[in-house]
Amino acid sequence: MTVLPRLALAMSVITLSALPAAAEPLKVVASFSIIGDLARNVGGDRIALTTLVGPDGDAHVYEPRPADAVAMGKADVVLVNGLHFEGFLKRLVEASGTTAPVVELTKGGEMLKNAEEGHEGDNHAHEGHHHHGEFDPHAWQSVHNAEVYVKNIADAFCAADTAGCASYRANAEAYGAKLKALDAEIKAAIAGIPEEKRTIITSHDAFGYFQHEYGLTFLAPEGVSTEAEASAADVAALIKQIKGDRASAIFVENITNQRLIEQISSETGLKIGGTLYSDALSGADGPAPTYIDMMKFNTKTISGAILGS
């Protein structure tokens, strides 16, 4: 009477032991929140993601914690922007002893020269500012470049986890279609703004790629990094330029102190049109918790401030 149940139990044990063990998730470290979101869209549930600089965080001035070195030391893949954006990166890589590939996602993108290079005498002079490299690092502000980031992420994941490559490629393709739709949406929204009203003010030079791709003009008292404050001469020159160019709106950024923008607003009579998300996403309960949400929110905020809608 007990032979059959025992046989069934034995067979079930054999069957279970024959099943392949669940694959360990790919351990991924992303340098800041925007890259973390792109990585999540490509990796899905096959990755275990750690993001170093979180929502509303400023990667320009971030100081790594011991936990960051531990996470990087255990990583299979490290995803970074490159172009000197993450000033802490070299120190952290050395401290962590990581053997993981450190993948610069801007590789292969269309990079713009740093606006601080060769602009002596205008509002980008920024005396005493640090050198931040030949190229502007804020490449994700062009959706076309975000597509390059996604391709590079998929390539990195495929190299580290060949078994999951088909999944990564499929995710990247599906997300890429969303990015193409986003790009078209932004172009349509900016096209609705009269050309003479397309000059706006932000805290630092984070929107050069948005300007290049979509046809707005951004002026800023600070350079591509928030690390050094604008001088009084920089601010005075910018205020003079704003009055001459008849800027249409002025915005604060989620990662910067808004005192300087409030000063410029007061001296030019420009009303602050809201907050733009430049180098970091918002928290999950904010208006820009994902890259696509961020780009849509920024576009809507700019358009609304200029057109009064």
C-alpha atoms as a PDB file:
ATOM      1  CA  MET A   1       0.000   0.000   0.000  1.00  0.00           C
ATOM      2  CA  THR A   2       2.896   2.352   0.650  1.00  0.00           C
ATOM      3  CA  VAL A   3       5.001   1.467  -2.412  1.00  0.00           C
ATOM      4  CA  LEU A   4       3.189   3.739  -4.884  1.00  0.00           C
ATOM      5  CA  PRO A   5       3.242   6.882  -2.708  1.00  0.00           C
ATOM      6  CA  ARG A   6       6.924   6.310  -1.976  1.00  0.00           C
ATOM      7  CA  LEU A   7       7.650   5.801  -5.678  1.00  0.00           C
ATOM      8  CA  ALA A   8       5.751   8.980  -6.576  1.00  0.00           C
ATOM      9  CA  LEU A   9       7.694  10.927  -3.956  1.00  0.00           C
ATOM     10  CA  ALA A  10      10.995   9.585  -5.269  1.00  0.00           C
ATOM     11  CA  MET A  11      10.063  10.489  -8.844  1.00  0.00           C
ATOM     12  CA  SER A  12       9.105  14.031  -7.801  1.00  0.00           C
ATOM     13  CA  VAL A  13      12.459  14.482  -6.055  1.00  0.00           C
ATOM     14  CA  ILE A  14      14.285  13.286  -9.172  1.00  0.00           C
ATOM     15  CA  THR A  15      12.215  15.629 -11.367  1.00  0.00           C
ATOM     16  CA  LEU A  16      12.851  18.639  -9.151  1.00  0.00           C
ATOM     17  CA  SER A  17      16.576  17.958  -8.952  1.00  0.00           C
ATOM     18  CA  ALA A  18      16.702  17.740 -12.746  1.00  0.00           C
ATOM     19  CA  LEU A  19      15.301  21.288 -13.159  1.00  0.00           C
ATOM     20  CA  PRO A  20      17.910  23.988 -13.832  1.00  0.00           C
ATOM     21  CA  ALA A  21      18.644  26.290 -10.927  1.00  0.00           C
ATOM     22  CA  ALA A  22      17.217  29.782 -11.255  1.00  0.00           C
ATOM     23  CA  ALA A  23      19.793  32.073 -12.818  1.00  0.00           C
ATOM     24  CA  GLU A  24      21.357  34.629 -10.526  1.00  0.00           C
ATOM     25  CA  PRO A  25      20.314  38.154 -11.508  1.00  0.00           C
ATOM     26  CA  LEU A  26      22.950  40.252 -13.218  1.00  0.00           C
ATOM     27  CA  LYS A  27      24.360  42.657 -10.619  1.00  0.00           C
ATOM     28  CA  VAL A  28      24.287  46.123 -12.185  1.00  0.00           C
ATOM     29  CA  VAL A  29      25.484  49.430 -10.748  1.00  0.00           C
ATOM     30  CA  ALA A  30      24.237  52.640 -12.401  1.00  0.00           C
ATOM     31  CA  SER A  31      25.968  55.894 -11.554  1.00  0.00           C
ATOM     32  CA  PHE A  32      22.825  58.064 -11.311  1.00  0.00           C
ATOM     33  CA  SER A  33      19.041  57.908 -11.522  1.00  0.00           C
ATOM     34  CA  ILE A  34      18.536  58.540 -15.247  1.00  0.00           C
ATOM     35  CA  ILE A  35      20.916  55.729 -16.205  1.00  0.00           C
ATOM     36  CA  GLY A  36      19.278  53.544 -13.550  1.00  0.00           C
ATOM     37  CA  ASP A  37      15.891  53.982 -15.206  1.00  0.00           C
ATOM     38  CA  LEU A  38      17.238  53.145 -18.667  1.00  0.00           C
ATOM     39  CA  ALA A  39      18.983  50.071 -17.248  1.00  0.00           C
ATOM     40  CA  ARG A  40      15.765  48.896 -15.596  1.00  0.00           C
ATOM     41  CA  ASN A  41      13.881  49.145 -18.887  1.00  0.00           C
ATOM     42  CA  VAL A  42      16.483  47.035 -20.685  1.00  0.00           C
ATOM     43  CA  GLY A  43      17.263  44.579 -17.901  1.00  0.00           C
ATOM     44  CA  GLY A  44      13.795  43.928 -16.523  1.00  0.00           C
ATOM     45  CA  ASP A  45      13.692  41.229 -13.866  1.00  0.00           C
ATOM     46  CA  ARG A  46      16.992  39.683 -15.008  1.00  0.00           C
ATOM     47  CA  ILE A  47      19.039  42.361 -13.223  1.00  0.00           C
ATOM     48  CA  ALA A  48      19.592  43.430  -9.608  1.00  0.00           C
ATOM     49  CA  LEU A  49      20.095  47.185  -9.872  1.00  0.00           C
ATOM     50  CA  THR A  50      21.949  49.548  -7.542  1.00  0.00           C
ATOM     51  CA  THR A  51      21.812  53.277  -8.365  1.00  0.00           C
ATOM     52  CA  LEU A  52      24.472  55.391  -6.682  1.00  0.00           C
ATOM     53  CA  VAL A  53      23.127  58.955  -7.029  1.00  0.00           C
ATOM     54  CA  GLY A  54      19.398  58.756  -6.417  1.00  0.00           C
ATOM     55  CA  PRO A  55      16.398  60.971  -7.231  1.00  0.00           C
ATOM     56  CA  ASP A  56      17.061  64.734  -7.021  1.00  0.00           C
ATOM     57  CA  GLY A  57      20.750  63.982  -6.412  1.00  0.00           C
ATOM     58  CA  ASP A  58      23.589  65.959  -8.015  1.00  0.00           C
ATOM     59  CA  ALA A  59      26.223  63.654  -9.518  1.00  0.00           C
ATOM     60  CA  HIS A  60      28.551  66.624 -10.110  1.00  0.00           C
ATOM     61  CA  VAL A  61      29.239  66.982  -6.369  1.00  0.00           C
ATOM     62  CA  TYR A  62      28.261  63.541  -5.025  1.00  0.00           C
ATOM     63  CA  GLU A  63      30.478  61.995  -2.354  1.00  0.00           C
ATOM     64  CA  PRO A  64      30.398  58.178  -2.461  1.00  0.00           C
ATOM     65  CA  ARG A  65      29.572  56.139   0.652  1.00  0.00           C
ATOM     66  CA  PRO A  66      31.247  52.901   1.787  1.00  0.00           C
ATOM     67  CA  ALA A  67      28.145  51.013   0.630  1.00  0.00           C
ATOM     68  CA  ASP A  68      28.734  52.312  -2.907  1.00  0.00           C
ATOM     69  CA  ALA A  69      32.220  50.789  -2.962  1.00  0.00           C
ATOM     70  CA  VAL A  70      30.799  47.481  -1.735  1.00  0.00           C
ATOM     71  CA  ALA A  71      28.101  47.461  -4.431  1.00  0.00           C
ATOM     72  CA  MET A  72      30.588  48.316  -7.156  1.00  0.00           C
ATOM     73  CA  GLY A  73      32.998  45.668  -5.917  1.00  0.00           C
ATOM     74  CA  LYS A  74      30.283  43.002  -6.319  1.00  0.00           C
ATOM     75  CA  ALA A  75      28.956  44.283  -9.660  1.00  0.00           C
ATOM     76  CA  ASP A  76      28.923  42.356 -12.918  1.00  0.00           C
ATOM     77  CA  VAL A  77      28.412  45.557 -14.947  1.00  0.00           C
ATOM     78  CA  VAL A  78      28.915  49.227 -14.057  1.00  0.00           C
ATOM     79  CA  LEU A  79      27.021  51.776 -16.190  1.00  0.00           C
ATOM     80  CA  VAL A  80      28.210  55.388 -16.248  1.00  0.00           C
ATOM     81  CA  ASN A  81      27.694  58.475 -18.375  1.00  0.00           C
ATOM     82  CA  GLY A  82      31.344  59.371 -18.860  1.00  0.00           C
ATOM     83  CA  LEU A  83      32.653  62.699 -20.234  1.00  0.00           C
ATOM     84  CA  HIS A  84      33.731  63.715 -16.708  1.00  0.00           C
ATOM     85  CA  PHE A  85      30.119  63.894 -15.515  1.00  0.00           C
ATOM     86  CA  GLU A  86      30.717  61.658 -12.490  1.00  0.00           C
ATOM     87  CA  GLY A  87      33.610  63.414 -10.780  1.00  0.00           C
ATOM     88  CA  PHE A  88      33.687  60.745  -8.085  1.00  0.00           C
ATOM     89  CA  LEU A  89      34.004  57.808 -10.464  1.00  0.00           C
ATOM     90  CA  LYS A  90      37.759  57.247 -10.653  1.00  0.00           C
ATOM     91  CA  ARG A  91      38.151  57.314  -6.860  1.00  0.00           C
ATOM     92  CA  LEU A  92      35.226  54.952  -6.363  1.00  0.00           C
ATOM     93  CA  VAL A  93      36.403  52.431  -8.961  1.00  0.00           C
ATOM     94  CA  GLU A  94      39.828  52.325  -7.323  1.00  0.00           C
ATOM     95  CA  ALA A  95      38.413  52.040  -3.798  1.00  0.00           C
ATOM     96  CA  SER A  96      36.000  49.259  -4.777  1.00  0.00           C
ATOM     97  CA  GLY A  97      38.572  47.083  -6.511  1.00  0.00           C
ATOM     98  CA  THR A  98      35.885  46.136  -9.019  1.00  0.00           C
ATOM     99  CA  THR A  99      36.730  43.870 -11.922  1.00  0.00           C
ATOM    100  CA  ALA A 100      33.437  44.615 -13.683  1.00  0.00           C
ATOM    101  CA  PRO A 101      33.477  46.457 -17.012  1.00  0.00           C
ATOM    102  CA  VAL A 102      32.789  50.178 -16.552  1.00  0.00           C
ATOM    103  CA  VAL A 103      30.659  51.052 -19.572  1.00  0.00           C
ATOM    104  CA  GLU A 104      30.476  54.685 -20.741  1.00  0.00           C
ATOM    105  CA  LEU A 105      27.040  55.032 -22.290  1.00  0.00           C
ATOM    106  CA  THR A 106      27.852  58.180 -24.262  1.00  0.00           C
ATOM    107  CA  LYS A 107      30.135  56.181 -26.582  1.00  0.00           C
ATOM    108  CA  GLY A 108      28.801  56.385 -30.134  1.00  0.00           C
ATOM    109  CA  GLY A 109      26.459  59.280 -29.399  1.00  0.00           C
ATOM    110  CA  GLU A 110      26.491  62.722 -31.011  1.00  0.00           C
ATOM    111  CA  MET A 111      28.507  64.770 -28.537  1.00  0.00           C
ATOM    112  CA  LEU A 112      28.539  68.564 -28.358  1.00  0.00           C
ATOM    113  CA  LYS A 113      31.567  70.646 -27.453  1.00  0.00           C
ATOM    114  CA  ASN A 114      31.551  71.986 -23.912  1.00  0.00           C
ATOM    115  CA  ALA A 115      30.022  75.488 -23.983  1.00  0.00           C
ATOM    116  CA  GLU A 116      32.632  76.659 -21.453  1.00  0.00           C
ATOM    117  CA  GLU A 117      35.416  76.098 -23.971  1.00  0.00           C
ATOM    118  CA  GLY A 118      36.333  79.186 -25.925  1.00  0.00           C
ATOM    119  CA  HIS A 119      33.603  81.498 -24.614  1.00  0.00           C
ATOM    120  CA  GLU A 120      35.736  84.086 -22.890  1.00  0.00           C
ATOM    121  CA  GLY A 121      34.109  87.432 -22.241  1.00  0.00           C
ATOM    122  CA  ASP A 122      30.459  86.314 -22.355  1.00  0.00           C
ATOM    123  CA  ASN A 123      28.176  84.854 -19.710  1.00  0.00           C
ATOM    124  CA  HIS A 124      29.979  81.512 -19.971  1.00  0.00           C
ATOM    125  CA  ALA A 125      33.398  82.842 -18.928  1.00  0.00           C
ATOM    126  CA  HIS A 126      33.065  81.389 -15.402  1.00  0.00           C
ATOM    127  CA  GLU A 127      36.422  82.524 -14.093  1.00  0.00           C
ATOM    128  CA  GLY A 128      38.057  79.982 -11.832  1.00  0.00           C
ATOM    129  CA  HIS A 129      35.747  77.122 -12.770  1.00  0.00           C
ATOM    130  CA  HIS A 130      37.207  73.654 -13.044  1.00  0.00           C
ATOM    131  CA  HIS A 131      37.869  72.087 -16.422  1.00  0.00           C
ATOM    132  CA  HIS A 132      35.167  69.550 -17.139  1.00  0.00           C
ATOM    133  CA  GLY A 133      36.377  68.096 -20.397  1.00  0.00           C
ATOM    134  CA  GLU A 134      36.044  68.862 -24.067  1.00  0.00           C
ATOM    135  CA  PHE A 135      32.439  67.707 -24.397  1.00  0.00           C
ATOM    136  CA  ASP A 136      29.181  68.584 -22.665  1.00  0.00           C
ATOM    137  CA  PRO A 137      28.277  65.460 -20.660  1.00  0.00           C
ATOM    138  CA  HIS A 138      24.472  66.005 -20.528  1.00  0.00           C
ATOM    139  CA  ALA A 139      23.889  63.948 -23.673  1.00  0.00           C
ATOM    140  CA  TRP A 140      20.663  62.306 -22.425  1.00  0.00           C
ATOM    141  CA  GLN A 141      18.825  65.616 -22.939  1.00  0.00           C
ATOM    142  CA  SER A 142      18.590  64.539 -26.585  1.00  0.00           C
ATOM    143  CA  VAL A 143      16.277  61.544 -26.950  1.00  0.00           C
ATOM    144  CA  HIS A 144      18.359  60.425 -29.921  1.00  0.00           C
ATOM    145  CA  ASN A 145      21.329  60.046 -27.578  1.00  0.00           C
ATOM    146  CA  ALA A 146      19.168  58.216 -25.032  1.00  0.00           C
ATOM    147  CA  GLU A 147      18.589  55.628 -27.778  1.00  0.00           C
ATOM    148  CA  VAL A 148      22.384  55.224 -27.994  1.00  0.00           C
ATOM    149  CA  TYR A 149      22.548  54.752 -24.214  1.00  0.00           C
ATOM    150  CA  VAL A 150      19.932  51.985 -24.480  1.00  0.00           C
ATOM    151  CA  LYS A 151      21.851  50.202 -27.243  1.00  0.00           C
ATOM    152  CA  ASN A 152      25.050  50.368 -25.195  1.00  0.00           C
ATOM    153  CA  ILE A 153      23.247  49.011 -22.126  1.00  0.00           C
ATOM    154  CA  ALA A 154      21.851  46.085 -24.123  1.00  0.00           C
ATOM    155  CA  ASP A 155      25.307  45.350 -25.543  1.00  0.00           C
ATOM    156  CA  ALA A 156      26.842  45.407 -22.050  1.00  0.00           C
ATOM    157  CA  PHE A 157      24.173  43.118 -20.613  1.00  0.00           C
ATOM    158  CA  CYS A 158      24.503  40.687 -23.516  1.00  0.00           C
ATOM    159  CA  ALA A 159      28.267  40.532 -23.019  1.00  0.00           C
ATOM    160  CA  ALA A 160      27.854  39.787 -19.312  1.00  0.00           C
ATOM    161  CA  ASP A 161      24.836  37.443 -19.588  1.00  0.00           C
ATOM    162  CA  THR A 162      24.655  35.694 -22.951  1.00  0.00           C
ATOM    163  CA  ALA A 163      21.706  33.542 -21.838  1.00  0.00           C
ATOM    164  CA  GLY A 164      19.602  36.652 -21.353  1.00  0.00           C
ATOM    165  CA  CYS A 165      20.657  38.445 -24.525  1.00  0.00           C
ATOM    166  CA  ALA A 166      17.438  37.816 -26.453  1.00  0.00           C
ATOM    167  CA  SER A 167      15.446  39.259 -23.566  1.00  0.00           C
ATOM    168  CA  TYR A 168      17.672  42.346 -23.338  1.00  0.00           C
ATOM    169  CA  ARG A 169      17.444  42.957 -27.082  1.00  0.00           C
ATOM    170  CA  ALA A 170      13.655  42.618 -27.055  1.00  0.00           C
ATOM    171  CA  ASN A 171      13.331  44.995 -24.106  1.00  0.00           C
ATOM    172  CA  ALA A 172      15.645  47.516 -25.756  1.00  0.00           C
ATOM    173  CA  GLU A 173      13.660  47.378 -28.991  1.00  0.00           C
ATOM    174  CA  ALA A 174      10.334  47.876 -27.205  1.00  0.00           C
ATOM    175  CA  TYR A 175      11.697  50.757 -25.136  1.00  0.00           C
ATOM    176  CA  GLY A 176      13.344  52.253 -28.228  1.00  0.00           C
ATOM    177  CA  ALA A 177       9.922  52.488 -29.891  1.00  0.00           C
ATOM    178  CA  LYS A 178       8.699  54.503 -26.892  1.00  0.00           C
ATOM    179  CA  LEU A 179      11.701  56.801 -27.195  1.00  0.00           C
ATOM    180  CA  LYS A 180      10.994  57.450 -30.877  1.00  0.00           C
ATOM    181  CA  ALA A 181       7.417  58.411 -29.987  1.00  0.00           C
ATOM    182  CA  LEU A 182       8.742  60.671 -27.215  1.00  0.00           C
ATOM    183  CA  ASP A 183      11.114  62.417 -29.617  1.00  0.00           C
ATOM    184  CA  ALA A 184       8.257  63.141 -32.035  1.00  0.00           C
ATOM    185  CA  GLU A 185       6.086  64.442 -29.181  1.00  0.00           C
ATOM    186  CA  ILE A 186       8.771  66.877 -27.996  1.00  0.00           C
ATOM    187  CA  LYS A 187       9.398  68.173 -31.533  1.00  0.00           C
ATOM    188  CA  ALA A 188       5.677  68.785 -32.042  1.00  0.00           C
ATOM    189  CA  ALA A 189       5.381  70.670 -28.723  1.00  0.00           C
ATOM    190  CA  ILE A 190       8.375  72.923 -29.398  1.00  0.00           C
ATOM    191  CA  ALA A 191       7.147  73.607 -32.933  1.00  0.00           C
ATOM    192  CA  GLY A 192       4.071  75.185 -31.318  1.00  0.00           C
ATOM    193  CA  ILE A 193       6.229  77.859 -29.615  1.00  0.00           C
ATOM    194  CA  PRO A 194       6.899  80.981 -31.741  1.00  0.00           C
ATOM    195  CA  GLU A 195      10.599  81.213 -32.612  1.00  0.00           C
ATOM    196  CA  GLU A 196      10.943  84.661 -31.041  1.00  0.00           C
ATOM    197  CA  LYS A 197       9.849  83.197 -27.683  1.00  0.00           C
ATOM    198  CA  ARG A 198      12.273  80.284 -27.529  1.00  0.00           C
ATOM    199  CA  THR A 199      14.951  81.827 -25.264  1.00  0.00           C
ATOM    200  CA  ILE A 200      14.779  80.666 -21.647  1.00  0.00           C
ATOM    201  CA  ILE A 201      16.928  80.703 -18.499  1.00  0.00           C
ATOM    202  CA  THR A 202      18.001  77.763 -16.327  1.00  0.00           C
ATOM    203  CA  SER A 203      20.429  77.345 -13.414  1.00  0.00           C
ATOM    204  CA  HIS A 204      23.327  75.595 -15.174  1.00  0.00           C
ATOM    205  CA  ASP A 205      24.266  74.480 -18.686  1.00  0.00           C
ATOM    206  CA  ALA A 206      22.453  71.149 -18.601  1.00  0.00           C
ATOM    207  CA  PHE A 207      20.230  71.618 -21.650  1.00  0.00           C
ATOM    208  CA  GLY A 208      22.670  72.122 -24.531  1.00  0.00           C
ATOM    209  CA  TYR A 209      21.551  68.894 -26.202  1.00  0.00           C
ATOM    210  CA  PHE A 210      17.880  69.799 -25.788  1.00  0.00           C
ATOM    211  CA  GLN A 211      18.682  73.143 -27.413  1.00  0.00           C
ATOM    212  CA  HIS A 212      20.586  71.526 -30.281  1.00  0.00           C
ATOM    213  CA  GLU A 213      17.959  68.851 -30.922  1.00  0.00           C
ATOM    214  CA  TYR A 214      14.731  70.782 -30.437  1.00  0.00           C
ATOM    215  CA  GLY A 215      15.425  74.430 -31.250  1.00  0.00           C
ATOM    216  CA  LEU A 216      15.270  76.315 -27.946  1.00  0.00           C
ATOM    217  CA  THR A 217      17.964  78.657 -26.609  1.00  0.00           C
ATOM    218  CA  PHE A 218      19.035  78.093 -22.995  1.00  0.00           C
ATOM    219  CA  LEU A 219      21.026  80.685 -21.049  1.00  0.00           C
ATOM    220  CA  ALA A 220      22.546  79.860 -17.653  1.00  0.00           C
ATOM    221  CA  PRO A 221      24.705  81.586 -15.030  1.00  0.00           C
ATOM    222  CA  GLU A 222      26.628  78.385 -14.253  1.00  0.00           C
ATOM    223  CA  GLY A 223      28.555  76.100 -16.602  1.00  0.00           C
ATOM    224  CA  VAL A 224      28.057  72.402 -17.299  1.00  0.00           C
ATOM    225  CA  SER A 225      28.881  71.545 -13.687  1.00  0.00           C
ATOM    226  CA  THR A 226      27.177  72.792 -10.538  1.00  0.00           C
ATOM    227  CA  GLU A 227      30.484  72.422  -8.697  1.00  0.00           C
ATOM    228  CA  ALA A 228      31.540  76.074  -9.009  1.00  0.00           C
ATOM    229  CA  GLU A 229      29.245  78.988  -8.343  1.00  0.00           C
ATOM    230  CA  ALA A 230      28.726  81.735 -10.890  1.00  0.00           C
ATOM    231  CA  SER A 231      30.634  84.938 -10.197  1.00  0.00           C
ATOM    232  CA  ALA A 232      28.991  88.339  -9.802  1.00  0.00           C
ATOM    233  CA  ALA A 233      30.383  89.270 -13.232  1.00  0.00           C
ATOM    234  CA  ASP A 234      28.808  86.147 -14.774  1.00  0.00           C
ATOM    235  CA  VAL A 235      25.419  87.007 -13.306  1.00  0.00           C
ATOM    236  CA  ALA A 236      25.609  90.647 -14.351  1.00  0.00           C
ATOM    237  CA  ALA A 237      26.564  89.677 -17.901  1.00  0.00           C
ATOM    238  CA  LEU A 238      23.716  87.187 -18.054  1.00  0.00           C
ATOM    239  CA  ILE A 239      21.162  89.721 -16.811  1.00  0.00           C
ATOM    240  CA  LYS A 240      22.333  92.146 -19.515  1.00  0.00           C
ATOM    241  CA  GLN A 241      22.052  89.404 -22.136  1.00  0.00           C
ATOM    242  CA  ILE A 242      18.577  88.391 -20.924  1.00  0.00           C
ATOM    243  CA  LYS A 243      17.326  91.966 -21.289  1.00  0.00           C
ATOM    244  CA  GLY A 244      18.793  92.184 -24.779  1.00  0.00           C
ATOM    245  CA  ASP A 245      17.522  88.797 -25.943  1.00  0.00           C
ATOM    246  CA  ARG A 246      14.107  89.243 -24.310  1.00  0.00           C
ATOM    247  CA  ALA A 247      14.034  85.797 -22.703  1.00  0.00           C
ATOM    248  CA  SER A 248      10.533  84.378 -22.337  1.00  0.00           C
ATOM    249  CA  ALA A 249      10.833  82.330 -19.136  1.00  0.00           C
ATOM    250  CA  ILE A 250      13.137  81.370 -16.286  1.00  0.00           C
ATOM    251  CA  PHE A 251      13.287  78.056 -14.421  1.00  0.00           C
ATOM    252  CA  VAL A 252      14.869  76.500 -11.360  1.00  0.00           C
ATOM    253  CA  GLU A 253      16.319  72.994 -11.489  1.00  0.00           C
ATOM    254  CA  ASN A 254      15.610  70.149  -9.102  1.00  0.00           C
ATOM    255  CA  ILE A 255      19.314  69.688  -8.266  1.00  0.00           C
ATOM    256  CA  THR A 256      20.337  73.310  -7.675  1.00  0.00           C
ATOM    257  CA  ASN A 257      19.802  76.041  -5.107  1.00  0.00           C
ATOM    258  CA  GLN A 258      17.162  78.391  -6.468  1.00  0.00           C
ATOM    259  CA  ARG A 259      18.488  81.588  -4.814  1.00  0.00           C
ATOM    260  CA  LEU A 260      20.451  82.658  -7.887  1.00  0.00           C
ATOM    261  CA  ILE A 261      17.486  82.143 -10.191  1.00  0.00           C
ATOM    262  CA  GLU A 262      15.295  84.120  -7.780  1.00  0.00           C
ATOM    263  CA  GLN A 263      17.817  86.986  -7.942  1.00  0.00           C
ATOM    264  CA  ILE A 264      17.836  86.961 -11.736  1.00  0.00           C
ATOM    265  CA  SER A 265      14.046  86.760 -11.798  1.00  0.00           C
ATOM    266  CA  SER A 266      13.817  89.782  -9.506  1.00  0.00           C
ATOM    267  CA  GLU A 267      16.260  91.872 -11.540  1.00  0.00           C
ATOM    268  CA  THR A 268      14.807  91.038 -14.951  1.00  0.00           C
ATOM    269  CA  GLY A 269      11.117  90.862 -14.100  1.00  0.00           C
ATOM    270  CA  LEU A 270      10.875  87.313 -15.471  1.00  0.00           C
ATOM    271  CA  LYS A 271       8.476  85.149 -13.499  1.00  0.00           C
ATOM    272  CA  ILE A 272       9.830  81.734 -12.501  1.00  0.00           C
ATOM    273  CA  GLY A 273       8.029  79.245 -14.711  1.00  0.00           C
ATOM    274  CA  GLY A 274       8.561  76.159 -12.582  1.00  0.00           C
ATOM    275  CA  THR A 275      11.133  73.434 -11.954  1.00  0.00           C
ATOM    276  CA  LEU A 276      12.965  71.510 -14.662  1.00  0.00           C
ATOM    277  CA  TYR A 277      14.559  68.104 -14.101  1.00  0.00           C
ATOM    278  CA  SER A 278      18.062  68.198 -15.538  1.00  0.00           C
ATOM    279  CA  ASP A 279      20.584  65.755 -14.045  1.00  0.00           C
ATOM    280  CA  ALA A 280      18.288  63.597 -11.920  1.00  0.00           C
ATOM    281  CA  LEU A 281      14.806  62.145 -11.866  1.00  0.00           C
ATOM    282  CA  SER A 282      12.240  62.946  -9.200  1.00  0.00           C
ATOM    283  CA  GLY A 283      11.220  60.501  -6.515  1.00  0.00           C
ATOM    284  CA  ALA A 284       8.548  57.931  -7.325  1.00  0.00           C
ATOM    285  CA  ASP A 285       5.823  60.287  -6.072  1.00  0.00           C
ATOM    286  CA  GLY A 286       7.119  63.260  -8.116  1.00  0.00           C
ATOM    287  CA  PRO A 287       6.362  64.359 -11.689  1.00  0.00           C
ATOM    288  CA  ALA A 288       9.478  62.854 -13.276  1.00  0.00           C
ATOM    289  CA  PRO A 289      10.138  59.378 -11.843  1.00  0.00           C
ATOM    290  CA  THR A 290      11.291  57.973 -15.207  1.00  0.00           C
ATOM    291  CA  TYR A 291      13.324  59.302 -18.116  1.00  0.00           C
ATOM    292  CA  ILE A 292      10.280  59.488 -20.386  1.00  0.00           C
ATOM    293  CA  ASP A 293       8.262  61.220 -17.660  1.00  0.00           C
ATOM    294  CA  MET A 294      11.131  63.691 -17.136  1.00  0.00           C
ATOM    295  CA  MET A 295      11.378  64.679 -20.784  1.00  0.00           C
ATOM    296  CA  LYS A 296       7.607  65.033 -21.113  1.00  0.00           C
ATOM    297  CA  PHE A 297       7.347  67.063 -17.911  1.00  0.00           C
ATOM    298  CA  ASN A 298      10.183  69.417 -18.894  1.00  0.00           C
ATOM    299  CA  THR A 299       8.679  69.995 -22.336  1.00  0.00           C
ATOM    300  CA  LYS A 300       5.220  70.657 -20.901  1.00  0.00           C
ATOM    301  CA  THR A 301       6.627  72.984 -18.226  1.00  0.00           C
ATOM    302  CA  ILE A 302       8.624  75.020 -20.760  1.00  0.00           C
ATOM    303  CA  SER A 303       5.744  75.243 -23.208  1.00  0.00           C
ATOM    304  CA  GLY A 304       3.251  76.111 -20.489  1.00  0.00           C
ATOM    305  CA  ALA A 305       5.409  78.889 -19.027  1.00  0.00           C
ATOM    306  CA  ILE A 306       5.997  80.510 -22.419  1.00  0.00           C
ATOM    307  CA  LEU A 307       2.516  80.134 -23.867  1.00  0.00           C
ATOM    308  CA  GLY A 308       0.629  80.557 -20.606  1.00  0.00           C
ATOM    309  CA  SER A 309      -1.142  77.221 -20.949  1.00  0.00           C
END
